[in-house]
Amino acid sequence: MANFNHLINREGTNSVKYDLRKEVFGKAGVIPMWVADMDFAMPPCVAEALKGRIEHGILGYSFRSEGFADAITTWLQRRHGVSFDTSSVCFSPGIVSALVVLIEAFTGKTDKILIQPPVYHPFFEVPLQNQRQVIWNELVYEGRRYHMDFDKLAKQLKEVRMVILSNPHNPVSRAWTEEELEKFGRLCLENQVIVVSDEIHSDLMLGGHRHTPLIKACPELAPYLITCYAPSKTFNLAGLSTSAVLISNPSMREQYNQTLQRLHMQMGNVLGQVAFETAYRGGEAWLDELLSYLNATVTSIEYRLSNEFPWLSMSEPEATYLLWLDFRKLGFSAEVLNRKLIEECGLGLSRGDQFGPGGAGFMRMNIAAPRSVINEAFERLKLLKI
């Protein structure tokens, strides 16, 4: 069994999460709970496969075999009950890299791209950095749960070329239901809008919730749909930069691959390919253990919030290992709240306002760490001067 309580020292490994604390937070001693990677060792099967490949001694140029596409499509069928043809599988170094390629391939500089904030900030940073216009379809927060504003969405889609969906949603931890996704998909289909569904967190479901792939909820959307997956969140392999972009429409797939090659982003790396295939073929038992551990962590945090922090709440955690904490009762500005958490509590969280409209007053907390780290973080949180 995996030992998720084991503390691994990540300092001195060029870890963004740990070794850039001084630059990001101004203090090297904060507990880093910001970057979305885990403080847990990768599945043993992946470590063994990487070790074996390295022991071969040569890491020359390589290509992706049929096993790359087969590994992800088999996983998706087994884990989420959705079928993709292996021919639909394309490569990307990462989901954000895929966004760059997709925006370049399928939109022009006068096109509008819709996102649903508060949301993972590259969803709007990448379009803006590439001179596209962003349309904000802000999520509505009611009763510790977010939902889509479908009335506003229906109007906005009439002028939009592309939508980027977070499914499950980062950072608000929503596992969209089949009914929500079907309604969303049909609205996009009516307006012939290209949809990029980022489903990178789809394996990290909490509290008995299940992931619904958008293509499963609205199969008619397939000609306009691009779905992104990666083992990076599921198996803690972000540093290997290997992701999959699934495109059922043959002409769109060809256009994506041509753009990927034009940008010279198609090669990948040999170790990433080994880890990708091995994780999806052999990591399921490890993942089930991880989910049990994360669910127990969430339960303990919910207990502490209700008994020790009357001024703090969080959105209902349905997916991901990222909690969306609501500090708004304290009335602090985003800048003041962030500074107080750093200076008074020694905590390095992700600022809510960096996720766009609707994020101010919230903080995103990464809980993919040993329970001792989580407990220490909440003890430090008691030091906040309110």
Protein backbone atom coordinates (compact mmCIF):
# COMPACT_ATOMS: atom_id res chain seq x y z
CA MET A 1 0.00 0.00 0.00
CA ALA A 2 1.09 3.55 -0.67
CA ASN A 3 2.22 5.55 2.35
CA PHE A 4 0.71 8.98 1.82
CA ASN A 5 1.72 10.04 5.33
CA HIS A 6 5.40 9.86 4.38
CA LEU A 7 7.08 13.28 4.26
CA ILE A 8 9.33 13.76 1.24
CA ASN A 9 11.75 16.70 1.28
CA ARG A 10 11.29 18.48 -2.05
CA GLU A 11 13.64 21.36 -1.32
CA GLY A 12 16.63 21.61 -3.61
CA THR A 13 14.92 19.76 -6.48
CA ASN A 14 14.07 22.89 -8.51
CA SER A 15 10.50 22.46 -7.32
CA VAL A 16 8.34 25.42 -8.32
CA LYS A 17 6.14 24.76 -5.32
CA TYR A 18 8.96 24.70 -2.74
CA ASP A 19 12.07 26.32 -4.18
CA LEU A 20 10.33 29.48 -5.40
CA ARG A 21 8.60 30.32 -2.10
CA LYS A 22 10.89 33.25 -1.37
CA GLU A 23 10.29 34.77 -4.81
CA VAL A 24 6.51 34.23 -4.78
CA PHE A 25 5.61 34.86 -1.14
CA GLY A 26 8.56 36.82 0.18
CA LYS A 27 9.19 34.14 2.82
CA ALA A 28 10.92 30.82 2.28
CA GLY A 29 9.28 29.23 5.34
CA VAL A 30 5.63 29.27 4.29
CA ILE A 31 3.82 25.96 3.92
CA PRO A 32 3.36 25.85 0.14
CA MET A 33 -0.22 24.98 -0.74
CA TRP A 34 -0.47 26.73 -4.08
CA VAL A 35 0.92 24.97 -7.19
CA ALA A 36 -1.30 22.05 -8.20
CA ASP A 37 1.05 19.14 -7.81
CA MET A 38 1.12 16.59 -4.99
CA ASP A 39 3.62 15.97 -2.22
CA PHE A 40 3.19 12.22 -2.72
CA ALA A 41 5.53 9.84 -4.55
CA MET A 42 4.39 8.65 -7.95
CA PRO A 43 2.91 5.14 -8.29
CA PRO A 44 5.62 2.48 -7.83
CA CYS A 45 4.83 0.95 -11.23
CA VAL A 46 5.72 4.27 -12.89
CA ALA A 47 8.94 4.62 -10.89
CA GLU A 48 9.98 1.10 -11.88
CA ALA A 49 9.18 1.68 -15.55
CA LEU A 50 11.18 4.91 -15.60
CA LYS A 51 14.09 3.24 -13.83
CA GLY A 52 14.07 0.42 -16.35
CA ARG A 53 14.01 2.79 -19.30
CA ILE A 54 16.88 4.87 -17.87
CA GLU A 55 18.95 1.75 -17.25
CA HIS A 56 18.79 1.07 -20.97
CA GLY A 57 21.28 3.92 -21.18
CA ILE A 58 20.12 5.76 -24.28
CA LEU A 59 17.44 8.47 -24.32
CA GLY A 60 17.51 9.33 -28.00
CA TYR A 61 14.79 10.73 -30.24
CA SER A 62 11.62 8.71 -29.97
CA PHE A 63 8.10 8.56 -31.34
CA ARG A 64 4.79 7.67 -29.74
CA SER A 65 3.73 4.11 -30.43
CA GLU A 66 0.13 2.91 -30.73
CA GLY A 67 0.33 2.18 -27.03
CA PHE A 68 0.11 5.90 -26.23
CA ALA A 69 -3.39 6.26 -27.68
CA ASP A 70 -4.49 2.84 -26.51
CA ALA A 71 -3.49 3.57 -22.90
CA ILE A 72 -5.64 6.71 -22.57
CA THR A 73 -8.65 5.42 -24.51
CA THR A 74 -8.69 2.17 -22.55
CA TRP A 75 -8.45 4.13 -19.29
CA LEU A 76 -11.31 6.43 -20.25
CA GLN A 77 -13.52 3.50 -21.18
CA ARG A 78 -12.77 1.60 -17.99
CA ARG A 79 -12.76 4.52 -15.58
CA HIS A 80 -15.39 6.84 -17.05
CA GLY A 81 -17.43 4.69 -19.43
CA VAL A 82 -16.69 6.77 -22.52
CA SER A 83 -15.38 5.48 -25.85
CA PHE A 84 -12.89 7.34 -28.03
CA ASP A 85 -11.33 5.92 -31.17
CA THR A 86 -7.56 5.72 -30.85
CA SER A 87 -7.27 7.78 -34.04
CA SER A 88 -8.71 10.76 -32.15
CA VAL A 89 -5.73 10.96 -29.78
CA CYS A 90 -3.22 13.75 -30.36
CA PHE A 91 -0.24 14.88 -28.29
CA SER A 92 0.52 18.03 -26.36
CA PRO A 93 3.32 18.83 -23.89
CA GLY A 94 0.62 20.05 -21.48
CA ILE A 95 -2.92 21.35 -21.32
CA VAL A 96 -1.86 25.01 -21.30
CA SER A 97 0.38 24.32 -24.29
CA ALA A 98 -2.62 22.70 -25.95
CA LEU A 99 -4.64 25.87 -25.37
CA VAL A 100 -1.98 27.88 -27.21
CA VAL A 101 -2.11 25.49 -30.17
CA LEU A 102 -5.91 25.28 -30.23
CA ILE A 103 -6.38 29.04 -30.10
CA GLU A 104 -3.83 29.45 -32.88
CA ALA A 105 -5.43 26.71 -34.99
CA PHE A 106 -9.12 27.54 -34.63
CA THR A 107 -9.49 31.25 -33.82
CA GLY A 108 -8.43 34.55 -35.29
CA LYS A 109 -7.44 37.79 -33.64
CA THR A 110 -10.98 39.19 -33.93
CA ASP A 111 -12.60 36.11 -32.35
CA LYS A 112 -14.07 35.91 -28.86
CA ILE A 113 -13.37 33.12 -26.38
CA LEU A 114 -15.73 32.46 -23.48
CA ILE A 115 -14.63 31.22 -20.06
CA GLN A 116 -16.41 30.70 -16.75
CA PRO A 117 -14.64 32.42 -13.86
CA PRO A 118 -13.46 32.11 -11.24
CA VAL A 119 -11.34 29.68 -13.24
CA TYR A 120 -7.79 28.46 -13.78
CA HIS A 121 -6.05 31.66 -14.86
CA PRO A 122 -4.33 30.41 -18.05
CA PHE A 123 -7.84 30.00 -19.47
CA PHE A 124 -7.99 33.77 -19.86
CA GLU A 125 -4.28 34.59 -19.85
CA VAL A 126 -3.53 32.52 -22.96
CA PRO A 127 -6.30 34.10 -25.09
CA LEU A 128 -5.36 37.59 -23.93
CA GLN A 129 -1.66 37.00 -24.56
CA ASN A 130 -2.58 35.91 -28.09
CA GLN A 131 -4.70 39.00 -28.78
CA ARG A 132 -8.10 37.31 -28.48
CA GLN A 133 -11.04 38.86 -26.67
CA VAL A 134 -12.28 37.11 -23.52
CA ILE A 135 -15.98 36.89 -22.71
CA TRP A 136 -16.73 36.27 -19.02
CA ASN A 137 -19.61 33.94 -18.15
CA GLU A 138 -19.20 34.18 -14.40
CA LEU A 139 -20.34 31.22 -12.30
CA VAL A 140 -23.02 31.83 -9.65
CA TYR A 141 -22.28 30.87 -6.02
CA GLU A 142 -25.26 29.75 -3.96
CA GLY A 143 -25.32 27.59 -0.86
CA ARG A 144 -21.66 26.54 -1.00
CA ARG A 145 -22.07 25.39 -4.60
CA TYR A 146 -21.47 27.03 -7.95
CA HIS A 147 -23.71 26.69 -10.98
CA MET A 148 -23.64 28.01 -14.53
CA ASP A 149 -25.59 31.08 -15.57
CA PHE A 150 -27.30 29.43 -18.56
CA ASP A 151 -29.51 32.42 -19.41
CA LYS A 152 -26.49 34.67 -19.81
CA LEU A 153 -24.55 31.90 -21.54
CA ALA A 154 -27.25 31.46 -24.19
CA LYS A 155 -26.97 35.15 -25.10
CA GLN A 156 -23.18 35.29 -25.03
CA LEU A 157 -22.65 32.23 -27.23
CA LYS A 158 -24.15 34.07 -30.19
CA GLU A 159 -20.96 36.10 -30.55
CA VAL A 160 -18.37 33.51 -29.47
CA ARG A 161 -16.01 31.35 -31.52
CA MET A 162 -14.65 29.12 -28.74
CA VAL A 163 -15.49 28.10 -25.16
CA ILE A 164 -12.97 26.70 -22.69
CA LEU A 165 -14.68 24.50 -20.09
CA SER A 166 -13.14 23.30 -16.83
CA ASN A 167 -14.66 19.86 -16.15
CA PRO A 168 -14.32 19.19 -13.21
CA HIS A 169 -13.86 22.82 -12.34
CA ASN A 170 -10.63 24.28 -11.01
CA PRO A 171 -10.68 26.04 -8.56
CA VAL A 172 -14.30 25.81 -7.34
CA SER A 173 -14.30 21.99 -7.13
CA ARG A 174 -17.52 21.42 -9.11
CA ALA A 175 -18.18 18.05 -10.70
CA TRP A 176 -20.65 19.14 -13.35
CA THR A 177 -23.66 16.82 -13.61
CA GLU A 178 -24.72 15.08 -16.80
CA GLU A 179 -27.80 17.33 -16.95
CA GLU A 180 -25.72 20.50 -16.63
CA LEU A 181 -23.25 19.35 -19.27
CA GLU A 182 -25.97 18.29 -21.69
CA LYS A 183 -27.60 21.72 -21.42
CA PHE A 184 -24.23 23.41 -21.82
CA GLY A 185 -23.35 21.23 -24.80
CA ARG A 186 -26.63 21.81 -26.61
CA LEU A 187 -26.29 25.57 -26.25
CA CYS A 188 -22.81 25.38 -27.76
CA LEU A 189 -24.05 23.09 -30.54
CA GLU A 190 -26.90 25.45 -31.42
CA ASN A 191 -24.34 28.19 -31.98
CA GLN A 192 -21.71 25.94 -33.63
CA VAL A 193 -19.15 26.98 -31.05
CA ILE A 194 -15.87 25.08 -30.68
CA VAL A 195 -15.57 23.69 -27.15
CA VAL A 196 -12.32 22.83 -25.40
CA SER A 197 -13.12 20.67 -22.38
CA ASP A 198 -10.22 20.47 -19.93
CA GLU A 199 -10.82 17.22 -18.04
CA ILE A 200 -7.39 16.93 -16.44
CA HIS A 201 -8.89 16.59 -12.93
CA SER A 202 -11.46 13.97 -13.99
CA ASP A 203 -9.87 11.11 -12.03
CA LEU A 204 -9.82 13.05 -8.76
CA MET A 205 -13.43 12.78 -7.65
CA LEU A 206 -14.48 13.32 -4.04
CA GLY A 207 -17.41 12.44 -1.81
CA GLY A 208 -18.94 9.83 -4.08
CA HIS A 209 -19.22 12.18 -7.04
CA ARG A 210 -18.60 10.82 -10.53
CA HIS A 211 -17.02 12.49 -13.51
CA THR A 212 -19.12 12.94 -16.64
CA PRO A 213 -17.11 13.57 -19.82
CA LEU A 214 -18.73 16.28 -21.91
CA ILE A 215 -18.81 14.03 -24.96
CA LYS A 216 -20.76 11.46 -22.96
CA ALA A 217 -23.34 14.03 -21.83
CA CYS A 218 -23.73 15.55 -25.30
CA PRO A 219 -22.37 13.21 -28.00
CA GLU A 220 -23.89 15.39 -30.74
CA LEU A 221 -21.27 18.03 -29.88
CA ALA A 222 -18.42 15.75 -31.05
CA PRO A 223 -17.78 17.62 -34.37
CA TYR A 224 -17.02 20.77 -32.36
CA LEU A 225 -15.45 19.22 -29.27
CA ILE A 226 -11.83 18.92 -28.15
CA THR A 227 -11.16 17.11 -24.86
CA CYS A 228 -7.90 17.36 -22.92
CA TYR A 229 -6.51 14.76 -20.52
CA ALA A 230 -3.20 14.11 -18.79
CA PRO A 231 -1.77 11.83 -16.07
CA SER A 232 -0.04 14.81 -14.45
CA LYS A 233 -2.68 15.58 -11.79
CA THR A 234 -3.89 12.00 -11.33
CA PHE A 235 -0.47 10.41 -10.83
CA ASN A 236 1.70 13.45 -9.94
CA LEU A 237 3.68 13.50 -13.19
CA ALA A 238 3.45 17.19 -14.18
CA GLY A 239 7.21 17.54 -14.67
CA LEU A 240 7.18 15.04 -17.53
CA SER A 241 5.09 17.31 -19.79
CA THR A 242 3.01 14.69 -21.59
CA SER A 243 -0.70 15.17 -22.28
CA ALA A 244 -3.39 13.97 -24.68
CA VAL A 245 -5.77 16.03 -26.81
CA LEU A 246 -8.72 14.05 -28.16
CA ILE A 247 -10.39 15.33 -31.33
CA SER A 248 -13.05 13.21 -33.05
CA ASN A 249 -13.51 15.54 -36.04
CA PRO A 250 -10.87 14.42 -38.62
CA SER A 251 -10.43 17.83 -40.27
CA MET A 252 -10.05 19.58 -36.92
CA ARG A 253 -7.62 16.91 -35.81
CA GLU A 254 -5.49 17.44 -38.92
CA GLN A 255 -5.54 21.19 -38.40
CA TYR A 256 -4.49 20.78 -34.77
CA ASN A 257 -1.60 18.47 -35.66
CA GLN A 258 -0.41 20.75 -38.44
CA THR A 259 -0.36 23.71 -36.04
CA LEU A 260 1.43 21.65 -33.39
CA GLN A 261 4.12 20.75 -35.91
CA ARG A 262 4.39 24.30 -37.22
CA LEU A 263 5.11 25.42 -33.65
CA HIS A 264 7.60 22.54 -33.25
CA MET A 265 5.82 21.20 -30.17
CA GLN A 266 5.10 17.67 -31.42
CA MET A 267 8.10 15.68 -30.22
CA GLY A 268 7.51 15.11 -26.50
CA ASN A 269 10.03 13.20 -24.42
CA VAL A 270 10.75 9.51 -24.04
CA LEU A 271 10.34 9.38 -20.26
CA GLY A 272 7.02 11.18 -20.42
CA GLN A 273 5.74 8.59 -22.86
CA VAL A 274 6.85 5.71 -20.63
CA ALA A 275 5.22 7.27 -17.56
CA PHE A 276 2.01 8.11 -19.46
CA GLU A 277 1.43 4.57 -20.68
CA THR A 278 2.53 2.89 -17.45
CA ALA A 279 0.36 5.09 -15.21
CA TYR A 280 -2.80 4.56 -17.23
CA ARG A 281 -2.20 0.82 -17.51
CA GLY A 282 -1.01 0.05 -14.00
CA GLY A 283 -1.83 2.94 -11.66
CA GLU A 284 -5.49 2.35 -10.88
CA ALA A 285 -5.06 0.63 -7.50
CA TRP A 286 -2.69 3.39 -6.38
CA LEU A 287 -5.24 6.00 -7.46
CA ASP A 288 -8.00 4.34 -5.47
CA GLU A 289 -5.80 4.48 -2.37
CA LEU A 290 -5.04 8.14 -3.07
CA LEU A 291 -8.73 9.00 -3.34
CA SER A 292 -9.46 7.30 -0.02
CA TYR A 293 -6.70 9.35 1.59
CA LEU A 294 -7.88 12.63 0.04
CA ASN A 295 -11.48 11.98 1.05
CA ALA A 296 -10.40 11.37 4.64
CA THR A 297 -8.41 14.61 4.55
CA VAL A 298 -11.46 16.52 3.30
CA THR A 299 -13.61 15.01 6.06
CA SER A 300 -11.12 16.10 8.72
CA ILE A 301 -10.95 19.62 7.28
CA GLU A 302 -14.73 19.94 7.14
CA TYR A 303 -14.87 18.96 10.83
CA ARG A 304 -12.25 21.54 11.75
CA LEU A 305 -13.96 24.29 9.78
CA SER A 306 -17.30 23.69 11.47
CA ASN A 307 -15.79 23.48 14.96
CA GLU A 308 -12.79 25.81 14.97
CA PHE A 309 -13.23 28.41 12.21
CA PRO A 310 -16.71 29.97 12.30
CA TRP A 311 -15.51 32.76 10.01
CA LEU A 312 -14.31 30.39 7.29
CA SER A 313 -16.17 28.12 4.87
CA MET A 314 -15.48 26.43 1.54
CA SER A 315 -17.35 25.46 -1.58
CA GLU A 316 -18.63 21.90 -1.53
CA PRO A 317 -15.59 19.75 -2.45
CA GLU A 318 -16.72 17.49 -5.29
CA ALA A 319 -13.48 17.00 -7.23
CA THR A 320 -9.75 17.83 -7.36
CA TYR A 321 -7.40 18.14 -4.40
CA LEU A 322 -7.89 21.92 -4.44
CA LEU A 323 -10.15 23.50 -1.84
CA TRP A 324 -11.86 26.84 -2.51
CA LEU A 325 -11.86 28.62 0.84
CA ASP A 326 -14.25 31.51 1.48
CA PHE A 327 -12.74 34.24 3.70
CA ARG A 328 -15.25 36.92 2.75
CA LYS A 329 -16.79 37.15 6.23
CA LEU A 330 -13.56 38.80 7.38
CA GLY A 331 -13.94 41.67 4.93
CA PHE A 332 -10.28 41.83 3.93
CA SER A 333 -9.24 42.91 0.46
CA ALA A 334 -7.51 40.26 -1.65
CA GLU A 335 -4.15 41.95 -1.12
CA VAL A 336 -4.53 42.26 2.65
CA LEU A 337 -5.82 38.70 3.03
CA ASN A 338 -2.91 37.25 1.08
CA ARG A 339 -0.36 39.29 3.06
CA LYS A 340 -1.87 38.33 6.43
CA LEU A 341 -1.90 34.62 5.55
CA ILE A 342 1.77 34.84 4.61
CA GLU A 343 3.02 37.04 7.44
CA GLU A 344 0.80 35.96 10.34
CA CYS A 345 0.20 32.30 9.45
CA GLY A 346 3.15 31.28 7.28
CA LEU A 347 0.81 29.90 4.61
CA GLY A 348 1.36 30.13 0.86
CA LEU A 349 -2.00 29.73 -0.87
CA SER A 350 -3.25 30.78 -4.31
CA ARG A 351 -5.02 34.14 -4.28
CA GLY A 352 -8.64 33.93 -5.31
CA ASP A 353 -8.54 37.09 -7.39
CA GLN A 354 -5.96 35.56 -9.72
CA PHE A 355 -8.75 33.28 -11.01
CA GLY A 356 -10.68 36.21 -12.44
CA PRO A 357 -14.06 37.80 -11.64
CA GLY A 358 -15.73 36.36 -8.55
CA GLY A 359 -12.48 35.19 -6.97
CA ALA A 360 -11.79 38.04 -4.54
CA GLY A 361 -12.18 37.00 -0.90
CA PHE A 362 -11.40 33.35 -1.68
CA MET A 363 -8.16 31.40 -1.52
CA ARG A 364 -7.29 28.11 -3.22
CA MET A 365 -5.64 25.53 -0.97
CA ASN A 366 -3.83 22.44 -2.29
CA ILE A 367 -4.42 19.58 0.19
CA ALA A 368 -2.45 16.88 -1.66
CA ALA A 369 0.05 16.54 1.16
CA PRO A 370 0.58 14.30 4.18
CA ARG A 371 -2.01 14.75 6.93
CA SER A 372 0.65 16.16 9.28
CA VAL A 373 1.22 19.04 6.85
CA ILE A 374 -2.51 19.72 6.59
CA ASN A 375 -2.90 19.70 10.37
CA GLU A 376 0.02 22.09 10.78
CA ALA A 377 -1.49 24.42 8.18
CA PHE A 378 -4.78 24.68 10.06
CA GLU A 379 -2.97 25.20 13.35
CA ARG A 380 -1.13 28.09 11.71
CA LEU A 381 -4.42 29.42 10.34
CA LYS A 382 -5.54 29.99 13.94
CA LEU A 383 -2.84 32.69 14.15
CA LEU A 384 -4.72 34.88 11.68
CA LYS A 385 -5.61 38.17 13.34
CA ILE A 386 -9.25 38.81 12.55
